[in-house]
Amino acid sequence: MTMDAEQFRECLLIHGADVQRWPEEIRRAGIEALDRSLECRSMQEECRQFEAILRSRAFEAPSPDLAFRIVSAAWRRERKASPGVIEFLAACFQDLRLPAPVLTAAAVLILGVVIGLLLPTEPVPADSESAEVQTFLDATEAL
């Protein structure tokens, strides 16, 4: 198996700069790529430097009240994020860039639907023809 520079870079990212620690099935190809290519050696050196920087970073212990601060901030954000109906609708439509006539028509349509849902409806009186059809259907069921 031969390894090109792109494959070598992927293996560096996955397994690290020490080729001797790579899995056996790709280790030999990685060593051969290092012997063949100056680009692979350069990538390995950059990876080694990056790993050294990561190892040199000291662990910083969190402050004792970190969990409390996170929960408090989340709670405050959640309280601010619970909008009323108007704020919710404004947030839904704030990114729409429609012409004013279209927005006006949409507002009138929504208002009409809301009014139609809120107004009480009166029963529609049955006309004589539909009553006769129902009487006929009832009579045929009885037979």
N, C-alpha and C. Protein backbone atom coordinates (compact mmCIF):
# COMPACT_ATOMS: atom_id res chain seq x y z
N MET A 1 0.85 -1.18 0.00
CA MET A 1 0.00 0.00 0.00
C MET A 1 0.90 1.24 0.00
N THR A 2 0.60 2.16 -0.90
CA THR A 2 1.31 3.42 -0.91
C THR A 2 0.37 4.51 -0.42
N MET A 3 0.96 5.51 0.19
CA MET A 3 0.16 6.57 0.81
C MET A 3 0.58 7.90 0.20
N ASP A 4 -0.39 8.64 -0.32
CA ASP A 4 -0.07 9.97 -0.85
C ASP A 4 -0.13 10.99 0.29
N ALA A 5 0.18 12.24 -0.03
CA ALA A 5 0.27 13.29 0.99
C ALA A 5 -1.07 13.55 1.67
N GLU A 6 -2.16 13.49 0.91
CA GLU A 6 -3.48 13.73 1.49
C GLU A 6 -3.86 12.62 2.47
N GLN A 7 -3.60 11.38 2.11
CA GLN A 7 -3.87 10.26 3.02
C GLN A 7 -2.99 10.36 4.26
N PHE A 8 -1.74 10.76 4.07
CA PHE A 8 -0.82 10.92 5.20
C PHE A 8 -1.34 11.99 6.16
N ARG A 9 -1.84 13.10 5.61
CA ARG A 9 -2.38 14.18 6.43
C ARG A 9 -3.58 13.67 7.24
N GLU A 10 -4.46 12.92 6.60
CA GLU A 10 -5.62 12.37 7.31
C GLU A 10 -5.18 11.45 8.45
N CYS A 11 -4.18 10.62 8.19
CA CYS A 11 -3.68 9.72 9.25
C CYS A 11 -3.03 10.51 10.38
N LEU A 12 -2.35 11.60 10.04
CA LEU A 12 -1.78 12.47 11.08
C LEU A 12 -2.88 13.03 11.98
N LEU A 13 -3.94 13.48 11.36
CA LEU A 13 -5.04 14.06 12.13
C LEU A 13 -5.72 13.02 13.01
N ILE A 14 -5.80 11.81 12.54
CA ILE A 14 -6.49 10.76 13.29
C ILE A 14 -5.58 10.14 14.35
N HIS A 15 -4.34 9.80 13.98
CA HIS A 15 -3.48 9.00 14.85
C HIS A 15 -2.35 9.77 15.52
N GLY A 16 -2.08 11.00 15.09
CA GLY A 16 -1.02 11.79 15.71
C GLY A 16 0.28 11.75 14.93
N ALA A 17 1.26 12.51 15.42
CA ALA A 17 2.52 12.71 14.70
C ALA A 17 3.46 11.51 14.81
N ASP A 18 3.34 10.69 15.83
CA ASP A 18 4.24 9.56 16.02
C ASP A 18 3.78 8.39 15.15
N VAL A 19 4.44 8.21 14.01
CA VAL A 19 4.04 7.18 13.05
C VAL A 19 4.20 5.78 13.65
N GLN A 20 5.11 5.63 14.59
CA GLN A 20 5.33 4.32 15.22
C GLN A 20 4.12 3.87 16.03
N ARG A 21 3.24 4.78 16.38
CA ARG A 21 2.04 4.44 17.16
C ARG A 21 0.82 4.24 16.27
N TRP A 22 0.97 4.38 14.98
CA TRP A 22 -0.14 4.17 14.07
C TRP A 22 -0.48 2.68 14.03
N PRO A 23 -1.70 2.34 13.62
CA PRO A 23 -2.05 0.92 13.46
C PRO A 23 -1.12 0.23 12.46
N GLU A 24 -0.87 -1.05 12.69
CA GLU A 24 0.10 -1.80 11.88
C GLU A 24 -0.20 -1.75 10.38
N GLU A 25 -1.49 -1.80 10.02
CA GLU A 25 -1.83 -1.87 8.60
C GLU A 25 -1.48 -0.60 7.83
N ILE A 26 -1.28 0.52 8.51
CA ILE A 26 -0.91 1.75 7.79
C ILE A 26 0.45 2.29 8.21
N ARG A 27 1.03 1.72 9.22
CA ARG A 27 2.31 2.21 9.75
C ARG A 27 3.40 2.17 8.68
N ARG A 28 3.54 1.04 7.99
CA ARG A 28 4.60 0.90 6.99
C ARG A 28 4.42 1.90 5.85
N ALA A 29 3.18 2.09 5.41
CA ALA A 29 2.92 3.06 4.34
C ALA A 29 3.23 4.47 4.81
N GLY A 30 2.96 4.77 6.08
CA GLY A 30 3.27 6.09 6.63
C GLY A 30 4.76 6.34 6.68
N ILE A 31 5.54 5.33 7.09
CA ILE A 31 7.00 5.47 7.14
C ILE A 31 7.56 5.66 5.74
N GLU A 32 7.03 4.91 4.78
CA GLU A 32 7.49 5.06 3.39
C GLU A 32 7.14 6.44 2.85
N ALA A 33 5.96 6.96 3.21
CA ALA A 33 5.58 8.30 2.75
C ALA A 33 6.52 9.35 3.33
N LEU A 34 6.93 9.16 4.58
CA LEU A 34 7.88 10.10 5.19
C LEU A 34 9.23 10.04 4.48
N ASP A 35 9.67 8.84 4.12
CA ASP A 35 10.95 8.70 3.42
C ASP A 35 10.91 9.33 2.03
N ARG A 36 9.77 9.24 1.35
CA ARG A 36 9.63 9.71 -0.02
C ARG A 36 9.37 11.21 -0.14
N SER A 37 8.60 11.76 0.80
CA SER A 37 8.04 13.09 0.57
C SER A 37 8.49 14.11 1.61
N LEU A 38 8.99 15.22 1.12
CA LEU A 38 9.34 16.34 1.98
C LEU A 38 8.07 16.98 2.54
N GLU A 39 7.00 16.97 1.77
CA GLU A 39 5.73 17.53 2.22
C GLU A 39 5.19 16.76 3.43
N CYS A 40 5.32 15.44 3.40
CA CYS A 40 4.85 14.62 4.53
C CYS A 40 5.68 14.89 5.77
N ARG A 41 6.98 15.05 5.59
CA ARG A 41 7.83 15.36 6.75
C ARG A 41 7.47 16.73 7.33
N SER A 42 7.18 17.67 6.47
CA SER A 42 6.79 19.01 6.92
C SER A 42 5.47 18.95 7.69
N MET A 43 4.51 18.18 7.17
CA MET A 43 3.22 18.04 7.88
C MET A 43 3.42 17.37 9.23
N GLN A 44 4.31 16.38 9.29
CA GLN A 44 4.56 15.68 10.55
C GLN A 44 5.18 16.65 11.57
N GLU A 45 6.09 17.49 11.12
CA GLU A 45 6.72 18.44 12.03
C GLU A 45 5.70 19.45 12.57
N GLU A 46 4.82 19.94 11.70
CA GLU A 46 3.77 20.86 12.15
C GLU A 46 2.86 20.18 13.17
N CYS A 47 2.56 18.93 12.93
CA CYS A 47 1.70 18.18 13.84
C CYS A 47 2.40 17.99 15.19
N ARG A 48 3.70 17.70 15.17
CA ARG A 48 4.46 17.55 16.41
C ARG A 48 4.45 18.86 17.22
N GLN A 49 4.64 19.99 16.52
CA GLN A 49 4.63 21.28 17.20
C GLN A 49 3.26 21.56 17.82
N PHE A 50 2.22 21.25 17.09
CA PHE A 50 0.87 21.46 17.59
C PHE A 50 0.61 20.59 18.83
N GLU A 51 1.01 19.33 18.77
CA GLU A 51 0.83 18.43 19.91
C GLU A 51 1.62 18.91 21.12
N ALA A 52 2.82 19.47 20.89
CA ALA A 52 3.62 19.99 21.99
C ALA A 52 2.92 21.18 22.65
N ILE A 53 2.31 22.03 21.85
CA ILE A 53 1.57 23.16 22.40
C ILE A 53 0.39 22.66 23.23
N LEU A 54 -0.31 21.67 22.73
CA LEU A 54 -1.44 21.12 23.48
C LEU A 54 -0.99 20.51 24.81
N ARG A 55 0.13 19.81 24.79
CA ARG A 55 0.63 19.19 26.03
C ARG A 55 1.12 20.23 27.03
N SER A 56 1.57 21.38 26.55
CA SER A 56 2.11 22.38 27.46
C SER A 56 1.02 23.17 28.18
N ARG A 57 -0.21 23.09 27.72
CA ARG A 57 -1.29 23.82 28.36
C ARG A 57 -1.60 23.21 29.72
N ALA A 58 -1.69 24.05 30.72
CA ALA A 58 -2.01 23.59 32.08
C ALA A 58 -3.53 23.52 32.26
N PHE A 59 -3.96 22.59 33.06
CA PHE A 59 -5.37 22.45 33.37
C PHE A 59 -5.77 23.56 34.33
N GLU A 60 -6.85 24.23 34.01
CA GLU A 60 -7.35 25.29 34.88
C GLU A 60 -8.59 24.78 35.57
N ALA A 61 -8.54 24.76 36.88
CA ALA A 61 -9.70 24.30 37.66
C ALA A 61 -10.80 25.35 37.57
N PRO A 62 -12.04 24.91 37.42
CA PRO A 62 -13.14 25.89 37.37
C PRO A 62 -13.38 26.51 38.73
N SER A 63 -13.95 27.69 38.72
CA SER A 63 -14.27 28.34 39.99
C SER A 63 -15.39 27.56 40.68
N PRO A 64 -15.46 27.65 42.00
CA PRO A 64 -16.46 26.85 42.74
C PRO A 64 -17.91 27.19 42.36
N ASP A 65 -18.15 28.42 41.92
CA ASP A 65 -19.52 28.80 41.60
C ASP A 65 -19.84 28.73 40.10
N LEU A 66 -19.02 28.02 39.34
CA LEU A 66 -19.22 27.96 37.89
C LEU A 66 -20.58 27.35 37.54
N ALA A 67 -20.93 26.23 38.14
CA ALA A 67 -22.20 25.58 37.83
C ALA A 67 -23.37 26.51 38.16
N PHE A 68 -23.29 27.19 39.29
CA PHE A 68 -24.36 28.12 39.67
C PHE A 68 -24.48 29.25 38.66
N ARG A 69 -23.35 29.79 38.20
CA ARG A 69 -23.39 30.88 37.22
C ARG A 69 -23.98 30.42 35.90
N ILE A 70 -23.66 29.21 35.47
CA ILE A 70 -24.20 28.69 34.21
C ILE A 70 -25.72 28.52 34.31
N VAL A 71 -26.16 27.91 35.40
CA VAL A 71 -27.60 27.70 35.58
C VAL A 71 -28.33 29.03 35.69
N SER A 72 -27.77 29.97 36.42
CA SER A 72 -28.41 31.29 36.57
C SER A 72 -28.52 32.00 35.22
N ALA A 73 -27.46 31.96 34.45
CA ALA A 73 -27.49 32.63 33.14
C ALA A 73 -28.51 31.97 32.22
N ALA A 74 -28.58 30.65 32.25
CA ALA A 74 -29.55 29.94 31.42
C ALA A 74 -30.97 30.27 31.85
N TRP A 75 -31.19 30.37 33.15
CA TRP A 75 -32.52 30.67 33.66
C TRP A 75 -32.94 32.08 33.26
N ARG A 76 -32.01 33.04 33.37
CA ARG A 76 -32.32 34.41 32.96
C ARG A 76 -32.62 34.48 31.48
N ARG A 77 -31.85 33.76 30.68
CA ARG A 77 -32.06 33.76 29.24
C ARG A 77 -33.40 33.13 28.90
N GLU A 78 -33.77 32.07 29.61
CA GLU A 78 -35.04 31.40 29.35
C GLU A 78 -36.20 32.31 29.69
N ARG A 79 -36.08 33.06 30.79
CA ARG A 79 -37.15 33.97 31.17
C ARG A 79 -37.31 35.08 30.13
N LYS A 80 -36.20 35.56 29.59
CA LYS A 80 -36.28 36.57 28.56
C LYS A 80 -36.82 35.99 27.26
N ALA A 81 -36.61 34.69 27.05
CA ALA A 81 -36.96 34.06 25.79
C ALA A 81 -38.41 33.62 25.73
N SER A 82 -39.19 33.84 26.79
CA SER A 82 -40.60 33.44 26.74
C SER A 82 -41.46 34.65 26.39
N PRO A 83 -41.62 34.93 25.09
CA PRO A 83 -42.33 36.13 24.66
C PRO A 83 -43.84 35.95 24.74
N GLY A 84 -44.54 37.07 24.70
CA GLY A 84 -45.99 37.04 24.58
C GLY A 84 -46.36 36.72 23.15
N VAL A 85 -47.64 36.74 22.88
CA VAL A 85 -48.13 36.39 21.54
C VAL A 85 -47.62 37.38 20.50
N ILE A 86 -47.67 38.65 20.83
CA ILE A 86 -47.24 39.68 19.87
C ILE A 86 -45.75 39.54 19.56
N GLU A 87 -44.95 39.34 20.62
CA GLU A 87 -43.51 39.19 20.41
C GLU A 87 -43.21 37.93 19.62
N PHE A 88 -43.96 36.86 19.89
CA PHE A 88 -43.76 35.61 19.16
C PHE A 88 -44.05 35.80 17.68
N LEU A 89 -45.17 36.43 17.37
CA LEU A 89 -45.52 36.66 15.96
C LEU A 89 -44.52 37.60 15.29
N ALA A 90 -44.07 38.62 16.02
CA ALA A 90 -43.08 39.53 15.46
C ALA A 90 -41.79 38.80 15.15
N ALA A 91 -41.37 37.89 16.04
CA ALA A 91 -40.15 37.11 15.80
C ALA A 91 -40.32 36.18 14.61
N CYS A 92 -41.51 35.64 14.44
CA CYS A 92 -41.75 34.73 13.31
C CYS A 92 -41.64 35.45 11.98
N PHE A 93 -42.10 36.70 11.95
CA PHE A 93 -42.15 37.42 10.68
C PHE A 93 -41.05 38.45 10.50
N GLN A 94 -40.12 38.57 11.44
CA GLN A 94 -39.12 39.63 11.35
C GLN A 94 -38.16 39.43 10.18
N ASP A 95 -37.92 38.20 9.76
CA ASP A 95 -36.98 37.98 8.67
C ASP A 95 -37.64 38.01 7.30
N LEU A 96 -38.95 38.11 7.26
CA LEU A 96 -39.63 38.18 5.97
C LEU A 96 -39.46 39.57 5.38
N ARG A 97 -39.06 39.61 4.16
CA ARG A 97 -38.89 40.88 3.46
C ARG A 97 -39.93 40.92 2.33
N LEU A 98 -41.15 41.26 2.70
CA LEU A 98 -42.23 41.31 1.72
C LEU A 98 -42.68 42.75 1.54
N PRO A 99 -43.23 43.07 0.37
CA PRO A 99 -43.74 44.42 0.15
C PRO A 99 -44.90 44.72 1.11
N ALA A 100 -45.10 45.99 1.40
CA ALA A 100 -46.14 46.41 2.34
C ALA A 100 -47.54 45.92 1.94
N PRO A 101 -47.93 45.97 0.65
CA PRO A 101 -49.28 45.48 0.30
C PRO A 101 -49.48 44.00 0.63
N VAL A 102 -48.43 43.20 0.46
CA VAL A 102 -48.54 41.78 0.77
C VAL A 102 -48.69 41.59 2.27
N LEU A 103 -47.92 42.32 3.07
CA LEU A 103 -48.03 42.23 4.52
C LEU A 103 -49.41 42.69 4.99
N THR A 104 -49.93 43.75 4.38
CA THR A 104 -51.25 44.24 4.74
C THR A 104 -52.31 43.19 4.42
N ALA A 105 -52.21 42.59 3.24
CA ALA A 105 -53.18 41.55 2.87
C ALA A 105 -53.10 40.36 3.81
N ALA A 106 -51.89 39.96 4.19
CA ALA A 106 -51.73 38.84 5.12
C ALA A 106 -52.31 39.20 6.48
N ALA A 107 -52.09 40.43 6.94
CA ALA A 107 -52.63 40.85 8.24
C ALA A 107 -54.15 40.85 8.21
N VAL A 108 -54.75 41.35 7.12
CA VAL A 108 -56.21 41.37 7.00
C VAL A 108 -56.75 39.95 6.96
N LEU A 109 -56.08 39.07 6.25
CA LEU A 109 -56.52 37.67 6.18
C LEU A 109 -56.47 37.01 7.55
N ILE A 110 -55.38 37.20 8.26
CA ILE A 110 -55.24 36.62 9.60
C ILE A 110 -56.30 37.20 10.53
N LEU A 111 -56.51 38.50 10.46
CA LEU A 111 -57.51 39.14 11.29
C LEU A 111 -58.90 38.59 10.97
N GLY A 112 -59.20 38.41 9.71
CA GLY A 112 -60.50 37.85 9.30
C GLY A 112 -60.69 36.44 9.83
N VAL A 113 -59.67 35.62 9.78
CA VAL A 113 -59.77 34.26 10.29
C VAL A 113 -60.00 34.28 11.80
N VAL A 114 -59.26 35.12 12.51
CA VAL A 114 -59.42 35.21 13.97
C VAL A 114 -60.83 35.68 14.32
N ILE A 115 -61.32 36.70 13.65
CA ILE A 115 -62.68 37.20 13.92
C ILE A 115 -63.70 36.13 13.59
N GLY A 116 -63.50 35.43 12.47
CA GLY A 116 -64.43 34.36 12.10
C GLY A 116 -64.46 33.23 13.12
N LEU A 117 -63.33 32.96 13.73
CA LEU A 117 -63.29 31.91 14.75
C LEU A 117 -63.90 32.37 16.07
N LEU A 118 -63.81 33.66 16.36
CA LEU A 118 -64.30 34.17 17.63
C LEU A 118 -65.79 34.47 17.64
N LEU A 119 -66.37 34.83 16.51
CA LEU A 119 -67.79 35.16 16.46
C LEU A 119 -68.64 33.91 16.60
N PRO A 120 -69.74 34.01 17.35
CA PRO A 120 -70.62 32.84 17.48
C PRO A 120 -71.34 32.58 16.16
N THR A 121 -71.56 31.33 15.89
CA THR A 121 -72.27 30.97 14.66
C THR A 121 -73.69 30.55 15.03
N GLU A 122 -74.63 30.89 14.16
CA GLU A 122 -76.02 30.51 14.37
C GLU A 122 -76.32 29.31 13.51
N PRO A 123 -77.19 28.42 14.00
CA PRO A 123 -77.51 27.23 13.20
C PRO A 123 -78.20 27.63 11.91
N VAL A 124 -77.87 26.96 10.84
CA VAL A 124 -78.46 27.22 9.53
C VAL A 124 -79.79 26.47 9.45
N PRO A 125 -80.87 27.18 9.16
CA PRO A 125 -82.16 26.47 9.09
C PRO A 125 -82.17 25.52 7.90
N ALA A 126 -82.72 24.36 8.11
CA ALA A 126 -82.80 23.36 7.04
C ALA A 126 -83.88 23.78 6.06
N ASP A 127 -83.57 23.76 4.80
CA ASP A 127 -84.58 24.10 3.81
C ASP A 127 -85.48 22.89 3.55
N SER A 128 -86.54 23.13 2.91
CA SER A 128 -87.54 22.07 2.75
C SER A 128 -87.04 20.94 1.86
N GLU A 129 -86.19 21.25 0.87
CA GLU A 129 -85.71 20.20 -0.04
C GLU A 129 -84.82 19.20 0.69
N SER A 130 -83.91 19.70 1.53
CA SER A 130 -83.03 18.79 2.25
C SER A 130 -83.82 17.98 3.27
N ALA A 131 -84.87 18.58 3.83
CA ALA A 131 -85.73 17.84 4.77
C ALA A 131 -86.45 16.72 4.04
N GLU A 132 -86.90 16.98 2.83
CA GLU A 132 -87.59 15.94 2.05
C GLU A 132 -86.65 14.81 1.69
N VAL A 133 -85.40 15.13 1.35
CA VAL A 133 -84.41 14.10 1.02
C VAL A 133 -84.15 13.25 2.24
N GLN A 134 -84.03 13.87 3.40
CA GLN A 134 -83.79 13.11 4.63
C GLN A 134 -84.97 12.21 4.95
N THR A 135 -86.18 12.70 4.75
CA THR A 135 -87.37 11.88 4.99
C THR A 135 -87.37 10.68 4.05
N PHE A 136 -87.00 10.90 2.80
CA PHE A 136 -86.94 9.81 1.82
C PHE A 136 -85.90 8.77 2.24
N LEU A 137 -84.73 9.25 2.67
CA LEU A 137 -83.68 8.31 3.08
C LEU A 137 -84.11 7.51 4.31
N ASP A 138 -84.78 8.17 5.24
CA ASP A 138 -85.26 7.46 6.42
C ASP A 138 -86.30 6.41 6.05
N ALA A 139 -87.15 6.74 5.10
CA ALA A 139 -88.21 5.80 4.69
C ALA A 139 -87.62 4.60 3.97
N THR A 140 -86.55 4.79 3.17
CA THR A 140 -85.96 3.67 2.44
C THR A 140 -85.18 2.78 3.39
N GLU A 141 -84.66 3.32 4.46
CA GLU A 141 -83.95 2.50 5.45
C GLU A 141 -84.92 1.60 6.17
N ALA A 142 -86.12 2.05 6.40
CA ALA A 142 -87.11 1.27 7.12
C ALA A 142 -87.56 0.05 6.31
N LEU A 143 -87.47 0.09 4.99
CA LEU A 143 -87.90 -1.04 4.15
C LEU A 143 -87.00 -2.18 4.22
